[in-house]
PDB file of N, CA and C in Angstrom:
ATOM      1  N   UNK A   1      52.989 136.565  84.778  1.00  0.00           N
ATOM      2  CA  UNK A   1      53.875 135.831  84.317  1.00  0.00           C
ATOM      3  C   UNK A   1      55.801 136.053  85.433  1.00  0.00           C
ATOM      4  N   UNK A   2      55.714 138.147  84.660  1.00  0.00           N
ATOM      5  CA  UNK A   2      57.306 138.327  85.536  1.00  0.00           C
ATOM      6  C   UNK A   2      56.809 138.835  86.989  1.00  0.00           C
ATOM      7  N   UNK A   3      55.483 138.375  87.615  1.00  0.00           N
ATOM      8  CA  UNK A   3      55.464 138.903  89.266  1.00  0.00           C
ATOM      9  C   UNK A   3      55.488 137.543  89.366  1.00  0.00           C
ATOM     10  N   UNK A   4      55.361 136.669  88.817  1.00  0.00           N
ATOM     11  CA  UNK A   4      55.530 135.081  89.134  1.00  0.00           C
ATOM     12  C   UNK A   4      57.165 134.864  89.112  1.00  0.00           C
ATOM     13  N   UNK A   5      58.153 135.465  88.451  1.00  0.00           N
ATOM     14  CA  UNK A   5      58.955 135.103  88.461  1.00  0.00           C
ATOM     15  C   UNK A   5      60.155 136.002  89.084  1.00  0.00           C
ATOM     16  N   UNK A   6      59.708 136.965  89.035  1.00  0.00           N
ATOM     17  CA  UNK A   6      60.420 137.674  90.276  1.00  0.00           C
ATOM     18  C   UNK A   6      60.197 137.372  92.061  1.00  0.00           C
ATOM     19  N   UNK A   7      58.420 136.890  92.198  1.00  0.00           N
ATOM     20  CA  UNK A   7      58.659 136.365  93.314  1.00  0.00           C
ATOM     21  C   UNK A   7      59.177 135.334  93.830  1.00  0.00           C
ATOM     22  N   UNK A   8      58.964 134.049  92.776  1.00  0.00           N
ATOM     23  CA  UNK A   8      60.277 133.410  92.866  1.00  0.00           C
ATOM     24  C   UNK A   8      61.733 133.579  92.829  1.00  0.00           C
ATOM     25  N   UNK A   9      62.252 134.419  92.342  1.00  0.00           N
ATOM     26  CA  UNK A   9      63.820 135.042  92.108  1.00  0.00           C
ATOM     27  C   UNK A   9      64.165 135.705  93.625  1.00  0.00           C
ATOM     28  N   UNK A  10      63.455 136.548  94.499  1.00  0.00           N
ATOM     29  CA  UNK A  10      63.794 137.390  95.054  1.00  0.00           C
ATOM     30  C   UNK A  10      64.044 136.565  96.503  1.00  0.00           C
ATOM     31  N   UNK A  11      63.669 135.715  97.055  1.00  0.00           N
ATOM     32  CA  UNK A  11      63.786 134.738  98.313  1.00  0.00           C
ATOM     33  C   UNK A  11      65.290 133.806  97.831  1.00  0.00           C
ATOM     34  N   UNK A  12      65.194 133.481  96.953  1.00  0.00           N
ATOM     35  CA  UNK A  12      66.791 132.746  96.447  1.00  0.00           C
ATOM     36  C   UNK A  12      67.390 133.722  96.108  1.00  0.00           C
ATOM     37  N   UNK A  13      67.616 134.686  95.573  1.00  0.00           N
ATOM     38  CA  UNK A  13      68.229 135.937  95.247  1.00  0.00           C
ATOM     39  C   UNK A  13      69.237 136.173  97.168  1.00  0.00           C
ATOM     40  N   UNK A  14      68.303 135.879  98.139  1.00  0.00           N
ATOM     41  CA  UNK A  14      68.577 136.483  99.663  1.00  0.00           C
ATOM     42  C   UNK A  14      69.393 135.431  99.629  1.00  0.00           C
ATOM     43  N   UNK A  15      68.784 133.821 100.084  1.00  0.00           N
ATOM     44  CA  UNK A  15      69.590 133.151 100.121  1.00  0.00           C
ATOM     45  C   UNK A  15      71.090 133.041  99.704  1.00  0.00           C
ATOM     46  N   UNK A  16      71.130 133.288  98.152  1.00  0.00           N
ATOM     47  CA  UNK A  16      72.829 133.427  97.952  1.00  0.00           C
ATOM     48  C   UNK A  16      73.319 134.628  98.652  1.00  0.00           C
ATOM     49  N   UNK A  17      72.769 135.611  99.185  1.00  0.00           N
ATOM     50  CA  UNK A  17      73.264 136.652  99.585  1.00  0.00           C
ATOM     51  C   UNK A  17      73.799 136.320 101.159  1.00  0.00           C
ATOM     52  N   UNK A  18      72.975 135.688 101.644  1.00  0.00           N
ATOM     53  CA  UNK A  18      72.812 134.900 102.764  1.00  0.00           C
ATOM     54  C   UNK A  18      74.430 133.824 103.079  1.00  0.00           C
ATOM     55  N   UNK A  19      74.403 133.492 101.901  1.00  0.00           N
ATOM     56  CA  UNK A  19      75.366 132.261 102.163  1.00  0.00           C
ATOM     57  C   UNK A  19      76.492 133.015 101.646  1.00  0.00           C
ATOM     58  N   UNK A  20      76.721 134.212 100.809  1.00  0.00           N
ATOM     59  CA  UNK A  20      77.858 134.794 100.606  1.00  0.00           C
ATOM     60  C   UNK A  20      78.273 136.117 102.159  1.00  0.00           C
ATOM     61  N   UNK A  21      77.551 136.383 102.555  1.00  0.00           N
ATOM     62  CA  UNK A  21      78.081 136.851 103.870  1.00  0.00           C
ATOM     63  C   UNK A  21      78.283 135.277 105.012  1.00  0.00           C
ATOM     64  N   UNK A  22      78.048 134.415 104.799  1.00  0.00           N
ATOM     65  CA  UNK A  22      78.086 133.465 105.536  1.00  0.00           C
ATOM     66  C   UNK A  22      79.557 132.992 105.619  1.00  0.00           C
ATOM     67  N   UNK A  23      80.129 132.887 103.972  1.00  0.00           N
ATOM     68  CA  UNK A  23      81.970 133.047 103.711  1.00  0.00           C
ATOM     69  C   UNK A  23      82.237 134.101 104.034  1.00  0.00           C
ATOM     70  N   UNK A  24      81.892 134.917 104.247  1.00  0.00           N
ATOM     71  CA  UNK A  24      82.535 136.235 104.547  1.00  0.00           C
ATOM     72  C   UNK A  24      83.172 135.995 106.161  1.00  0.00           C
ATOM     73  N   UNK A  25      81.767 135.236 107.040  1.00  0.00           N
ATOM     74  CA  UNK A  25      81.904 135.547 108.350  1.00  0.00           C
ATOM     75  C   UNK A  25      83.247 134.727 109.069  1.00  0.00           C
ATOM     76  N   UNK A  26      82.434 133.222 108.036  1.00  0.00           N
ATOM     77  CA  UNK A  26      83.443 131.677 108.633  1.00  0.00           C
ATOM     78  C   UNK A  26      84.890 131.584 108.261  1.00  0.00           C
ATOM     79  N   UNK A  27      85.157 132.168 106.852  1.00  0.00           N
ATOM     80  CA  UNK A  27      86.079 132.326 106.296  1.00  0.00           C
ATOM     81  C   UNK A  27      86.806 133.257 105.726  1.00  0.00           C
ATOM     82  N   UNK A  28      87.028 134.374 106.489  1.00  0.00           N
ATOM     83  CA  UNK A  28      87.234 135.914 106.294  1.00  0.00           C
ATOM     84  C   UNK A  28      88.509 135.464 105.215  1.00  0.00           C
ATOM     85  N   UNK A  29      89.522 134.937 105.203  1.00  0.00           N
ATOM     86  CA  UNK A  29      91.124 134.988 104.545  1.00  0.00           C
ATOM     87  C   UNK A  29      90.627 134.536 103.308  1.00  0.00           C
ATOM     88  N   UNK A  30      89.403 133.686 102.965  1.00  0.00           N
ATOM     89  CA  UNK A  30      89.752 133.261 102.027  1.00  0.00           C
ATOM     90  C   UNK A  30      88.158 133.915 100.910  1.00  0.00           C
ATOM     91  N   UNK A  31      87.880 134.537 101.702  1.00  0.00           N
ATOM     92  CA  UNK A  31      86.525 135.244 100.963  1.00  0.00           C
ATOM     93  C   UNK A  31      86.754 135.518  99.599  1.00  0.00           C
ATOM     94  N   UNK A  32      88.001 136.687 100.158  1.00  0.00           N
ATOM     95  CA  UNK A  32      88.086 137.399  98.208  1.00  0.00           C
ATOM     96  C   UNK A  32      88.395 136.292  96.916  1.00  0.00           C
ATOM     97  N   UNK A  33      88.867 134.787  97.232  1.00  0.00           N
ATOM     98  CA  UNK A  33      89.463 134.122  96.401  1.00  0.00           C
ATOM     99  C   UNK A  33      88.005 133.451  96.281  1.00  0.00           C
ATOM    100  N   UNK A  34      87.133 133.088  96.875  1.00  0.00           N
ATOM    101  CA  UNK A  34      85.939 132.184  96.851  1.00  0.00           C
ATOM    102  C   UNK A  34      85.064 133.271  95.840  1.00  0.00           C
ATOM    103  N   UNK A  35      84.445 134.586  96.540  1.00  0.00           N
ATOM    104  CA  UNK A  35      83.397 135.365  96.339  1.00  0.00           C
ATOM    105  C   UNK A  35      83.837 135.866  95.171  1.00  0.00           C
ATOM    106  N   UNK A  36      84.394 136.219  93.988  1.00  0.00           N
ATOM    107  CA  UNK A  36      84.638 136.458  92.512  1.00  0.00           C
ATOM    108  C   UNK A  36      83.255 137.055  92.331  1.00  0.00           C
ATOM    109  N   UNK A  37      83.674 138.451  91.382  1.00  0.00           N
ATOM    110  CA  UNK A  37      82.807 138.732  90.141  1.00  0.00           C
ATOM    111  C   UNK A  37      82.265 137.182  89.385  1.00  0.00           C
ATOM    112  N   UNK A  38      83.051 136.620  88.796  1.00  0.00           N
ATOM    113  CA  UNK A  38      82.287 135.544  87.832  1.00  0.00           C
ATOM    114  C   UNK A  38      81.604 134.415  88.365  1.00  0.00           C
ATOM    115  N   UNK A  39      82.122 134.073  89.722  1.00  0.00           N
ATOM    116  CA  UNK A  39      81.311 133.101  90.687  1.00  0.00           C
ATOM    117  C   UNK A  39      79.664 134.227  91.318  1.00  0.00           C
ATOM    118  N   UNK A  40      79.616 134.914  91.510  1.00  0.00           N
ATOM    119  CA  UNK A  40      78.476 135.575  91.951  1.00  0.00           C
ATOM    120  C   UNK A  40      77.680 135.801  90.894  1.00  0.00           C
ATOM    121  N   UNK A  41      78.189 136.026  89.671  1.00  0.00           N
ATOM    122  CA  UNK A  41      77.540 136.374  88.289  1.00  0.00           C
ATOM    123  C   UNK A  41      77.096 134.752  87.687  1.00  0.00           C
ATOM    124  N   UNK A  42      77.610 133.894  87.699  1.00  0.00           N
ATOM    125  CA  UNK A  42      77.472 132.638  87.664  1.00  0.00           C
ATOM    126  C   UNK A  42      76.072 132.586  88.485  1.00  0.00           C
ATOM    127  N   UNK A  43      76.070 132.527  89.839  1.00  0.00           N
ATOM    128  CA  UNK A  43      74.706 132.096  90.962  1.00  0.00           C
ATOM    129  C   UNK A  43      73.286 132.865  90.648  1.00  0.00           C
ATOM    130  N   UNK A  44      74.150 134.191  90.317  1.00  0.00           N
ATOM    131  CA  UNK A  44      72.505 135.185  90.008  1.00  0.00           C
ATOM    132  C   UNK A  44      71.916 134.324  88.362  1.00  0.00           C
ATOM    133  N   UNK A  45      73.032 134.126  87.656  1.00  0.00           N
ATOM    134  CA  UNK A  45      72.372 133.064  85.986  1.00  0.00           C
ATOM    135  C   UNK A  45      71.732 132.111  86.883  1.00  0.00           C
ATOM    136  N   UNK A  46      72.443 131.128  87.716  1.00  0.00           N
ATOM    137  CA  UNK A  46      72.389 129.866  87.373  1.00  0.00           C
ATOM    138  C   UNK A  46      70.424 130.298  88.577  1.00  0.00           C
ATOM    139  N   UNK A  47      70.138 131.444  89.625  1.00  0.00           N
ATOM    140  CA  UNK A  47      69.112 131.384  89.967  1.00  0.00           C
ATOM    141  C   UNK A  47      67.574 131.928  89.092  1.00  0.00           C
ATOM    142  N   UNK A  48      68.243 133.035  88.323  1.00  0.00           N
ATOM    143  CA  UNK A  48      67.333 133.312  87.319  1.00  0.00           C
ATOM    144  C   UNK A  48      66.886 132.287  86.506  1.00  0.00           C
ATOM    145  N   UNK A  49      68.165 131.538  85.942  1.00  0.00           N
ATOM    146  CA  UNK A  49      67.454 130.374  84.547  1.00  0.00           C
ATOM    147  C   UNK A  49      66.899 129.254  85.936  1.00  0.00           C
ATOM    148  N   UNK A  50      66.630 128.532  86.649  1.00  0.00           N
ATOM    149  CA  UNK A  50      66.019 128.209  87.250  1.00  0.00           C
ATOM    150  C   UNK A  50      64.253 128.231  87.496  1.00  0.00           C
ATOM    151  N   UNK A  51      64.550 129.546  88.258  1.00  0.00           N
ATOM    152  CA  UNK A  51      63.196 130.366  88.196  1.00  0.00           C
ATOM    153  C   UNK A  51      62.539 130.151  87.173  1.00  0.00           C
ATOM    154  N   UNK A  52      63.362 130.473  85.962  1.00  0.00           N
ATOM    155  CA  UNK A  52      61.981 130.718  84.378  1.00  0.00           C
ATOM    156  C   UNK A  52      62.295 129.616  83.802  1.00  0.00           C
ATOM    157  N   UNK A  53      63.264 128.291  84.477  1.00  0.00           N
ATOM    158  CA  UNK A  53      62.562 127.326  83.786  1.00  0.00           C
ATOM    159  C   UNK A  53      61.175 126.937  84.576  1.00  0.00           C
ATOM    160  N   UNK A  54      61.424 127.150  85.592  1.00  0.00           N
ATOM    161  CA  UNK A  54      60.457 126.845  86.617  1.00  0.00           C
ATOM    162  C   UNK A  54      58.800 127.970  86.023  1.00  0.00           C
ATOM    163  N   UNK A  55      58.916 128.688  85.874  1.00  0.00           N
ATOM    164  CA  UNK A  55      57.360 129.111  85.754  1.00  0.00           C
ATOM    165  C   UNK A  55      57.360 128.644  83.717  1.00  0.00           C
ATOM    166  N   UNK A  56      58.136 128.734  82.820  1.00  0.00           N
ATOM    167  CA  UNK A  56      58.129 127.673  82.175  1.00  0.00           C
ATOM    168  C   UNK A  56      57.438 126.630  81.846  1.00  0.00           C
ATOM    169  N   UNK A  57      57.782 125.624  82.887  1.00  0.00           N
ATOM    170  CA  UNK A  57      56.806 124.197  82.772  1.00  0.00           C
ATOM    171  C   UNK A  57      55.789 124.473  83.583  1.00  0.00           C
ATOM    172  N   UNK A  58      55.495 125.696  84.358  1.00  0.00           N
ATOM    173  CA  UNK A  58      54.333 125.686  84.343  1.00  0.00           C
ATOM    174  C   UNK A  58      53.446 126.321  83.405  1.00  0.00           C
ATOM    175  N   UNK A  59      53.497 126.455  82.710  1.00  0.00           N
ATOM    176  CA  UNK A  59      52.957 127.330  81.459  1.00  0.00           C
ATOM    177  C   UNK A  59      52.880 126.107  80.542  1.00  0.00           C
ATOM    178  N   UNK A  60      53.679 125.621  80.133  1.00  0.00           N
ATOM    179  CA  UNK A  60      53.431 124.165  79.547  1.00  0.00           C
ATOM    180  C   UNK A  60      52.826 123.418  79.875  1.00  0.00           C
ATOM    181  N   UNK A  61      52.928 122.738  80.840  1.00  0.00           N
ATOM    182  CA  UNK A  61      51.766 122.180  81.396  1.00  0.00           C
ATOM    183  C   UNK A  61      50.412 122.675  81.947  1.00  0.00           C
ATOM    184  N   UNK A  62      50.088 124.075  81.694  1.00  0.00           N
ATOM    185  CA  UNK A  62      48.994 124.241  81.727  1.00  0.00           C
ATOM    186  C   UNK A  62      48.237 124.237  80.579  1.00  0.00           C
ATOM    187  N   UNK A  63      49.107 124.641  79.360  1.00  0.00           N
ATOM    188  CA  UNK A  63      48.767 124.197  77.732  1.00  0.00           C
ATOM    189  C   UNK A  63      48.203 123.261  77.749  1.00  0.00           C
ATOM    190  N   UNK A  64      49.072 121.698  77.782  1.00  0.00           N
ATOM    191  CA  UNK A  64      49.523 120.517  77.225  1.00  0.00           C
ATOM    192  C   UNK A  64      47.965 119.847  78.005  1.00  0.00           C
ATOM    193  N   UNK A  65      47.996 119.944  79.508  1.00  0.00           N
ATOM    194  CA  UNK A  65      46.732 119.247  80.149  1.00  0.00           C
ATOM    195  C   UNK A  65      46.039 120.608  80.661  1.00  0.00           C
ATOM    196  N   UNK A  66      45.060 120.877  79.468  1.00  0.00           N
ATOM    197  CA  UNK A  66      43.896 121.515  80.026  1.00  0.00           C
ATOM    198  C   UNK A  66      42.856 120.996  80.475  1.00  0.00           C
ATOM    199  N   UNK A  67      42.466 121.726  81.503  1.00  0.00           N
ATOM    200  CA  UNK A  67      41.176 120.941  82.586  1.00  0.00           C
ATOM    201  C   UNK A  67      40.208 120.644  81.881  1.00  0.00           C
ATOM    202  N   UNK A  68      39.752 121.587  81.068  1.00  0.00           N
ATOM    203  CA  UNK A  68      38.441 121.744  80.275  1.00  0.00           C
ATOM    204  C   UNK A  68      38.384 120.070  79.453  1.00  0.00           C
ATOM    205  N   UNK A  69      37.222 119.522  79.314  1.00  0.00           N
ATOM    206  CA  UNK A  69      36.695 118.390  79.223  1.00  0.00           C
ATOM    207  C   UNK A  69      36.261 118.549  77.564  1.00  0.00           C
ATOM    208  N   UNK A  70      35.771 119.678  77.272  1.00  0.00           N
ATOM    209  CA  UNK A  70      35.109 119.827  75.761  1.00  0.00           C
ATOM    210  C   UNK A  70      36.811 120.292  75.054  1.00  0.00           C
ATOM    211  N   UNK A  71      36.413 119.783  73.597  1.00  0.00           N
ATOM    212  CA  UNK A  71      37.912 120.079  72.562  1.00  0.00           C
ATOM    213  C   UNK A  71      37.693 121.495  72.770  1.00  0.00           C
ATOM    214  N   UNK A  72      36.538 121.531  71.810  1.00  0.00           N
ATOM    215  CA  UNK A  72      36.687 123.262  71.310  1.00  0.00           C
ATOM    216  C   UNK A  72      37.186 124.620  72.102  1.00  0.00           C
ATOM    217  N   UNK A  73      36.400 124.100  73.561  1.00  0.00           N
ATOM    218  CA  UNK A  73      36.960 125.020  74.901  1.00  0.00           C
ATOM    219  C   UNK A  73      38.363 124.866  75.270  1.00  0.00           C
ATOM    220  N   UNK A  74      38.465 123.633  75.152  1.00  0.00           N
ATOM    221  CA  UNK A  74      40.272 123.258  75.706  1.00  0.00           C
ATOM    222  C   UNK A  74      41.106 124.155  74.723  1.00  0.00           C
ATOM    223  N   UNK A  75      40.960 124.042  73.226  1.00  0.00           N
ATOM    224  CA  UNK A  75      41.783 124.415  72.141  1.00  0.00           C
ATOM    225  C   UNK A  75      41.536 126.057  72.362  1.00  0.00           C
ATOM    226  N   UNK A  76      40.679 126.388  72.375  1.00  0.00           N
ATOM    227  CA  UNK A  76      40.228 128.335  72.671  1.00  0.00           C
ATOM    228  C   UNK A  76      40.939 128.221  74.352  1.00  0.00           C
ATOM    229  N   UNK A  77      41.153 127.718  75.019  1.00  0.00           N
ATOM    230  CA  UNK A  77      42.196 128.104  76.216  1.00  0.00           C
ATOM    231  C   UNK A  77      43.264 128.164  76.126  1.00  0.00           C
ATOM    232  N   UNK A  78      43.934 126.877  75.463  1.00  0.00           N
ATOM    233  CA  UNK A  78      45.159 126.537  75.026  1.00  0.00           C
ATOM    234  C   UNK A  78      45.816 127.425  74.091  1.00  0.00           C
ATOM    235  N   UNK A  79      45.021 128.482  73.050  1.00  0.00           N
ATOM    236  CA  UNK A  79      45.433 129.470  72.050  1.00  0.00           C
ATOM    237  C   UNK A  79      45.594 130.988  73.154  1.00  0.00           C
ATOM    238  N   UNK A  80      44.745 130.475  73.603  1.00  0.00           N
ATOM    239  CA  UNK A  80      44.623 132.111  74.876  1.00  0.00           C
ATOM    240  C   UNK A  80      46.284 131.832  75.798  1.00  0.00           C
ATOM    241  N   UNK A  81      46.459 130.811  76.107  1.00  0.00           N
ATOM    242  CA  UNK A  81      47.241 131.242  76.956  1.00  0.00           C
ATOM    243  C   UNK A  81      48.601 130.985  76.300  1.00  0.00           C
ATOM    244  N   UNK A  82      48.848 130.744  75.115  1.00  0.00           N
ATOM    245  CA  UNK A  82      49.910 130.485  74.274  1.00  0.00           C
ATOM    246  C   UNK A  82      49.666 132.191  73.883  1.00  0.00           C
ATOM    247  N   UNK A  83      48.774 132.987  73.791  1.00  0.00           N
ATOM    248  CA  UNK A  83      48.946 134.296  73.165  1.00  0.00           C
ATOM    249  C   UNK A  83      50.074 134.985  74.233  1.00  0.00           C
ATOM    250  N   UNK A  84      48.994 135.087  75.494  1.00  0.00           N
ATOM    251  CA  UNK A  84      49.486 135.410  76.908  1.00  0.00           C
ATOM    252  C   UNK A  84      51.126 135.297  76.548  1.00  0.00           C
ATOM    253  N   UNK A  85      50.981 134.607  76.635  1.00  0.00           N
ATOM    254  CA  UNK A  85      52.893 133.656  76.741  1.00  0.00           C
ATOM    255  C   UNK A  85      54.094 134.861  75.952  1.00  0.00           C
ATOM    256  N   UNK A  86      53.302 134.307  74.503  1.00  0.00           N
ATOM    257  CA  UNK A  86      54.365 135.437  73.753  1.00  0.00           C
ATOM    258  C   UNK A  86      53.828 137.038  73.903  1.00  0.00           C
ATOM    259  N   UNK A  87      52.700 137.040  74.136  1.00  0.00           N
ATOM    260  CA  UNK A  87      52.914 138.344  74.386  1.00  0.00           C
ATOM    261  C   UNK A  87      53.725 138.931  75.856  1.00  0.00           C
ATOM    262  N   UNK A  88      53.853 138.284  77.196  1.00  0.00           N
ATOM    263  CA  UNK A  88      54.834 138.730  77.917  1.00  0.00           C
ATOM    264  C   UNK A  88      56.416 138.342  77.868  1.00  0.00           C
ATOM    265  N   UNK A  89      56.591 137.462  76.437  1.00  0.00           N
ATOM    266  CA  UNK A  89      57.917 137.230  75.980  1.00  0.00           C
ATOM    267  C   UNK A  89      58.157 138.307  75.333  1.00  0.00           C
ATOM    268  N   UNK A  90      57.683 139.501  74.509  1.00  0.00           N
ATOM    269  CA  UNK A  90      57.550 139.797  73.578  1.00  0.00           C
ATOM    270  C   UNK A  90      57.964 141.725  74.575  1.00  0.00           C
ATOM    271  N   UNK A  91      57.214 141.746  75.471  1.00  0.00           N
ATOM    272  CA  UNK A  91      57.908 142.715  76.331  1.00  0.00           C
ATOM    273  C   UNK A  91      58.790 143.054  76.786  1.00  0.00           C
TER     274      UNK A  91
END
């Protein structure tokens, strides 16, 4: 789960960095006003939050809609996925 999160965050972080460079080149006089520590932190937090929610929704879909038609097998798979999910959260 962590590797999937990092794979999703990396391109979006690069996109945010390129937007900052665009502002620096196109609006050099307003760059200091537009790009502050607060705005940078908010954009990084937004990227991580969106990516984390995306991964969380994928896991929940996997748990809720198990592909197996056998009830016992589906229950066992659901418990295994939940166990691994909570183990990853604990790290």
